[in-house]
């Protein structure tokens, strides 16, 4: 698949949410993976604000990125917080040299294996609803065209979320976004159940969960909630692992 095809597929995956039954977690997870597939980052994470304007981790392309995003929030410093508060991108930060700016976050990011970070606000006009981090394992500038592409992806995702809010005629942060926060908890619990049962790491467990949801044409959140609620067997989801494992991935023993 060419880069142009990947760009088109990533945008289509977001825009489809404007006309299809909406699953915010699945859409944002696809966006983080799309950024990795397009070579914009080694890993990516997305944070959205709740009704109190407090950022929460909504999606990440890997468990490593997910944990680093949590560390950023717990320590109240980092690129996503700056992009969210200013509404402007935080571009090409050399993490080994960013200790003065982020004395806790920068060393932790380097320890995790990332050396460059870019953060882009999820915004529509004056409304900023979150931010997207792009982490790189190399000390490199992704360049202006790639930065514009990343911001465009973030903007389209923002439109999708806000459009869904308008269709439902509910308050975004008190309603749909709160549901998304609850969904994220269910997904984390389902990942843990699959990881334990199939003896795989959390990244592989999430890939299995997402692959199963797609294979049976059900929402990721719906499958996770059924799994956690006990109305779906863990073995049923784990059984599709070999058939639907993403190309190039490997099962990791824990």
Protein backbone atom coordinates (compact mmCIF):
# COMPACT_ATOMS: atom_id res chain seq x y z
CA UNK A 1 0.00 0.00 0.00
CA UNK A 2 1.36 3.41 -0.95
CA UNK A 3 1.68 6.33 1.46
CA UNK A 4 -1.13 8.10 -0.40
CA UNK A 5 -3.36 5.06 0.17
CA UNK A 6 -2.50 5.05 3.87
CA UNK A 7 -3.31 8.75 4.19
CA UNK A 8 -6.64 8.24 2.42
CA UNK A 9 -7.51 5.21 4.56
CA UNK A 10 -6.71 7.10 7.76
CA UNK A 11 -8.91 10.05 6.83
CA UNK A 12 -11.70 7.76 5.63
CA UNK A 13 -11.57 5.85 8.90
CA UNK A 14 -12.23 9.09 10.77
CA UNK A 15 -14.80 10.52 8.37
CA UNK A 16 -16.79 7.26 8.38
CA UNK A 17 -17.70 8.06 11.97
CA UNK A 18 -19.73 11.04 10.71
CA UNK A 19 -22.20 8.74 8.96
CA UNK A 20 -21.83 5.45 10.82
CA UNK A 21 -22.70 4.36 14.35
CA UNK A 22 -20.06 6.13 16.40
CA UNK A 23 -17.44 4.52 18.66
CA UNK A 24 -15.10 7.24 19.86
CA UNK A 25 -12.48 4.86 21.30
CA UNK A 26 -12.23 2.81 18.13
CA UNK A 27 -11.96 5.94 15.98
CA UNK A 28 -9.22 7.48 18.12
CA UNK A 29 -7.32 4.20 18.34
CA UNK A 30 -7.39 4.00 14.56
CA UNK A 31 -6.03 7.54 14.42
CA UNK A 32 -3.09 6.74 16.71
CA UNK A 33 -2.25 3.62 14.69
CA UNK A 34 -2.63 5.57 11.46
CA UNK A 35 -0.03 8.08 12.63
CA UNK A 36 2.39 5.22 13.26
CA UNK A 37 1.64 3.53 9.93
CA UNK A 38 2.22 6.83 8.11
CA UNK A 39 5.67 7.16 9.67
CA UNK A 40 4.72 10.26 11.65
CA UNK A 41 5.68 8.60 14.92
CA UNK A 42 7.00 5.50 16.62
CA UNK A 43 4.03 5.68 18.97
CA UNK A 44 1.06 7.96 19.48
CA UNK A 45 -1.44 8.80 22.20
CA UNK A 46 -4.60 10.90 22.44
CA UNK A 47 -6.02 12.68 25.47
CA UNK A 48 -9.50 14.23 25.74
CA UNK A 49 -10.86 16.62 28.36
CA UNK A 50 -13.73 15.64 30.64
CA UNK A 51 -16.49 17.92 31.91
CA UNK A 52 -14.04 19.53 34.35
CA UNK A 53 -11.49 20.21 31.57
CA UNK A 54 -9.24 17.51 33.03
CA UNK A 55 -7.39 15.47 30.42
CA UNK A 56 -7.85 11.71 30.26
CA UNK A 57 -6.07 9.10 28.14
CA UNK A 58 -8.48 7.94 25.44
CA UNK A 59 -6.30 6.01 23.00
CA UNK A 60 -2.72 4.94 22.39
CA UNK A 61 -0.93 2.96 19.71
CA UNK A 62 0.95 0.87 22.28
CA UNK A 63 1.01 0.11 25.99
CA UNK A 64 4.33 1.96 26.25
CA UNK A 65 2.72 5.14 24.92
CA UNK A 66 -0.34 4.63 27.12
CA UNK A 67 1.77 4.43 30.28
CA UNK A 68 3.80 7.49 29.29
CA UNK A 69 0.61 9.48 28.72
CA UNK A 70 -0.58 8.47 32.19
CA UNK A 71 2.77 9.57 33.63
CA UNK A 72 2.36 12.94 31.90
CA UNK A 73 -1.05 13.46 33.51
CA UNK A 74 0.02 12.25 36.94
CA UNK A 75 2.92 14.70 36.96
CA UNK A 76 0.94 17.55 35.39
CA UNK A 77 3.56 18.41 32.78
CA UNK A 78 4.29 17.52 29.18
CA UNK A 79 3.55 18.35 25.55
CA UNK A 80 -0.11 17.34 25.44
CA UNK A 81 -0.93 19.55 28.41
CA UNK A 82 0.76 22.49 26.68
CA UNK A 83 -0.96 21.88 23.35
CA UNK A 84 -4.31 21.60 25.12
CA UNK A 85 -3.87 24.74 27.22
CA UNK A 86 -2.57 26.93 24.37
CA UNK A 87 -4.50 25.45 21.45
CA UNK A 88 -1.26 25.45 19.45
CA UNK A 89 1.05 22.62 18.31
CA UNK A 90 4.16 21.82 20.32
CA UNK A 91 6.52 20.79 17.52
CA UNK A 92 9.88 19.01 17.44
CA UNK A 93 10.89 18.88 21.09
CA UNK A 94 14.23 17.17 21.63
CA UNK A 95 13.41 15.24 24.79
CA UNK A 96 16.98 14.70 26.08
CA UNK A 97 17.36 18.51 26.02
CA UNK A 98 13.91 19.28 27.46
CA UNK A 99 14.70 18.65 31.12
CA UNK A 100 14.34 22.30 32.08
CA UNK A 101 10.92 22.51 30.42
CA UNK A 102 9.61 19.18 31.73
CA UNK A 103 11.89 18.03 34.58
CA UNK A 104 9.88 14.86 35.30
CA UNK A 105 8.28 14.01 31.96
CA UNK A 106 11.31 14.46 29.66
CA UNK A 107 13.64 12.03 31.54
CA UNK A 108 10.83 9.45 31.80
CA UNK A 109 10.11 9.70 28.06
CA UNK A 110 13.80 9.15 27.27
CA UNK A 111 13.94 6.23 29.70
CA UNK A 112 10.94 4.77 27.88
CA UNK A 113 12.83 5.00 24.57
CA UNK A 114 11.52 8.19 22.98
CA UNK A 115 13.77 11.08 21.93
CA UNK A 116 11.45 13.46 20.06
CA UNK A 117 7.87 14.51 20.69
CA UNK A 118 5.27 16.54 18.81
CA UNK A 119 1.85 17.44 20.25
CA UNK A 120 -1.17 18.68 18.31
CA UNK A 121 -4.40 20.09 19.79
CA UNK A 122 -7.74 18.52 18.95
CA UNK A 123 -9.61 21.70 18.14
CA UNK A 124 -12.38 23.30 16.14
CA UNK A 125 -12.13 27.07 15.94
CA UNK A 126 -11.85 28.20 19.59
CA UNK A 127 -12.92 24.85 21.08
CA UNK A 128 -10.03 22.65 22.20
CA UNK A 129 -11.20 19.24 23.38
CA UNK A 130 -7.90 17.38 23.73
CA UNK A 131 -4.47 16.76 22.24
CA UNK A 132 -2.51 14.14 20.31
CA UNK A 133 1.09 13.17 21.05
CA UNK A 134 3.51 11.79 18.47
CA UNK A 135 6.55 10.11 20.01
CA UNK A 136 9.64 9.17 18.00
CA UNK A 137 12.45 6.78 18.94
CA UNK A 138 14.80 8.94 16.85
CA UNK A 139 15.99 12.51 17.33
CA UNK A 140 14.42 13.92 14.17
CA UNK A 141 12.17 16.67 12.92
CA UNK A 142 9.21 15.22 11.01
CA UNK A 143 9.12 18.35 8.83
CA UNK A 144 6.47 20.94 8.05
CA UNK A 145 4.37 18.86 5.60
CA UNK A 146 4.12 15.99 8.10
CA UNK A 147 3.24 18.43 10.89
CA UNK A 148 0.45 19.87 8.75
CA UNK A 149 -0.81 16.34 8.05
CA UNK A 150 -0.82 15.45 11.76
CA UNK A 151 -2.73 18.61 12.65
CA UNK A 152 -5.22 17.95 9.85
CA UNK A 153 -5.85 14.46 11.20
CA UNK A 154 -6.37 15.88 14.70
CA UNK A 155 -8.74 18.53 13.33
CA UNK A 156 -10.84 16.01 11.41
CA UNK A 157 -11.07 13.81 14.52
CA UNK A 158 -12.28 16.85 16.48
CA UNK A 159 -14.96 17.52 13.89
CA UNK A 160 -16.11 13.89 14.09
CA UNK A 161 -16.42 14.04 17.88
CA UNK A 162 -18.23 17.38 17.90
CA UNK A 163 -20.49 16.35 15.02
CA UNK A 164 -21.54 13.27 16.94
CA UNK A 165 -22.33 15.49 19.92
CA UNK A 166 -24.55 17.70 17.75
CA UNK A 167 -26.42 14.71 16.30
CA UNK A 168 -27.11 13.30 19.75
CA UNK A 169 -28.06 16.79 21.04
CA UNK A 170 -26.23 16.18 24.29
CA UNK A 171 -23.48 17.92 26.13
CA UNK A 172 -20.14 16.58 24.83
CA UNK A 173 -18.17 16.57 28.04
CA UNK A 174 -20.95 15.58 30.43
CA UNK A 175 -22.51 12.97 28.14
CA UNK A 176 -20.72 11.31 25.24
CA UNK A 177 -17.26 11.99 26.61
CA UNK A 178 -18.16 10.58 30.01
CA UNK A 179 -19.36 7.45 28.22
CA UNK A 180 -16.00 7.35 26.44
CA UNK A 181 -14.19 7.52 29.79
CA UNK A 182 -16.28 4.60 31.08
CA UNK A 183 -15.59 2.72 27.85
CA UNK A 184 -11.85 3.20 28.27
CA UNK A 185 -12.02 1.59 31.72
CA UNK A 186 -13.89 -1.41 30.30
CA UNK A 187 -11.34 -1.78 27.50
CA UNK A 188 -8.43 -1.76 29.97
CA UNK A 189 -10.17 -4.44 32.05
CA UNK A 190 -10.87 -6.55 28.96
CA UNK A 191 -7.22 -6.24 27.86
CA UNK A 192 -6.11 -7.52 31.26
CA UNK A 193 -8.47 -10.47 31.08
CA UNK A 194 -7.25 -11.44 27.60
CA UNK A 195 -3.59 -10.96 28.52
CA UNK A 196 -4.00 -13.28 31.49
CA UNK A 197 -6.00 -15.92 29.64
CA UNK A 198 -3.92 -16.00 26.44
CA UNK A 199 -0.58 -15.38 28.19
CA UNK A 200 0.26 -12.37 26.01
CA UNK A 201 1.31 -8.78 26.68
CA UNK A 202 -1.15 -5.89 26.81
CA UNK A 203 -0.41 -4.71 23.25
CA UNK A 204 -1.20 -8.14 21.83
CA UNK A 205 -4.28 -8.44 24.02
CA UNK A 206 -5.61 -5.16 22.64
CA UNK A 207 -4.89 -6.28 19.07
CA UNK A 208 -6.86 -9.46 19.74
CA UNK A 209 -9.77 -7.51 21.21
CA UNK A 210 -9.91 -5.09 18.30
CA UNK A 211 -9.52 -7.86 15.71
CA UNK A 212 -12.38 -9.82 17.24
CA UNK A 213 -14.67 -6.76 17.26
CA UNK A 214 -13.98 -6.18 13.58
CA UNK A 215 -14.41 -9.83 12.67
CA UNK A 216 -17.92 -9.92 14.16
CA UNK A 217 -18.75 -6.33 13.07
CA UNK A 218 -19.32 -5.04 16.59
CA UNK A 219 -17.97 -1.98 18.36
CA UNK A 220 -14.76 -2.34 20.33
CA UNK A 221 -16.42 -0.82 23.40
CA UNK A 222 -19.41 -3.18 23.13
CA UNK A 223 -17.18 -6.26 22.98
CA UNK A 224 -15.10 -5.05 25.93
CA UNK A 225 -18.18 -4.42 28.07
CA UNK A 226 -19.65 -7.84 27.27
CA UNK A 227 -16.32 -9.46 28.10
CA UNK A 228 -16.01 -7.64 31.43
CA UNK A 229 -19.69 -8.21 32.23
CA UNK A 230 -19.34 -11.96 31.72
CA UNK A 231 -21.82 -12.20 28.84
CA UNK A 232 -19.03 -13.13 26.44
CA UNK A 233 -16.41 -15.80 27.04
CA UNK A 234 -12.75 -14.81 27.08
CA UNK A 235 -11.94 -17.95 25.10
CA UNK A 236 -14.31 -16.83 22.33
CA UNK A 237 -12.27 -13.68 21.77
CA UNK A 238 -8.92 -15.40 22.20
CA UNK A 239 -9.87 -18.02 19.61
CA UNK A 240 -9.66 -15.53 16.74
CA UNK A 241 -6.13 -14.46 17.66
CA UNK A 242 -4.35 -16.57 15.07
CA UNK A 243 -6.78 -15.71 12.28
CA UNK A 244 -6.89 -11.96 12.86
CA UNK A 245 -3.51 -11.16 14.39
CA UNK A 246 -2.12 -7.98 12.72
CA UNK A 247 0.54 -8.71 10.12
CA UNK A 248 4.02 -8.74 11.60
CA UNK A 249 2.90 -8.96 15.24
CA UNK A 250 4.16 -11.67 17.56
CA UNK A 251 2.71 -13.24 20.63
CA UNK A 252 4.74 -12.31 23.70
CA UNK A 253 4.86 -14.53 26.76
CA UNK A 254 4.62 -12.72 30.06
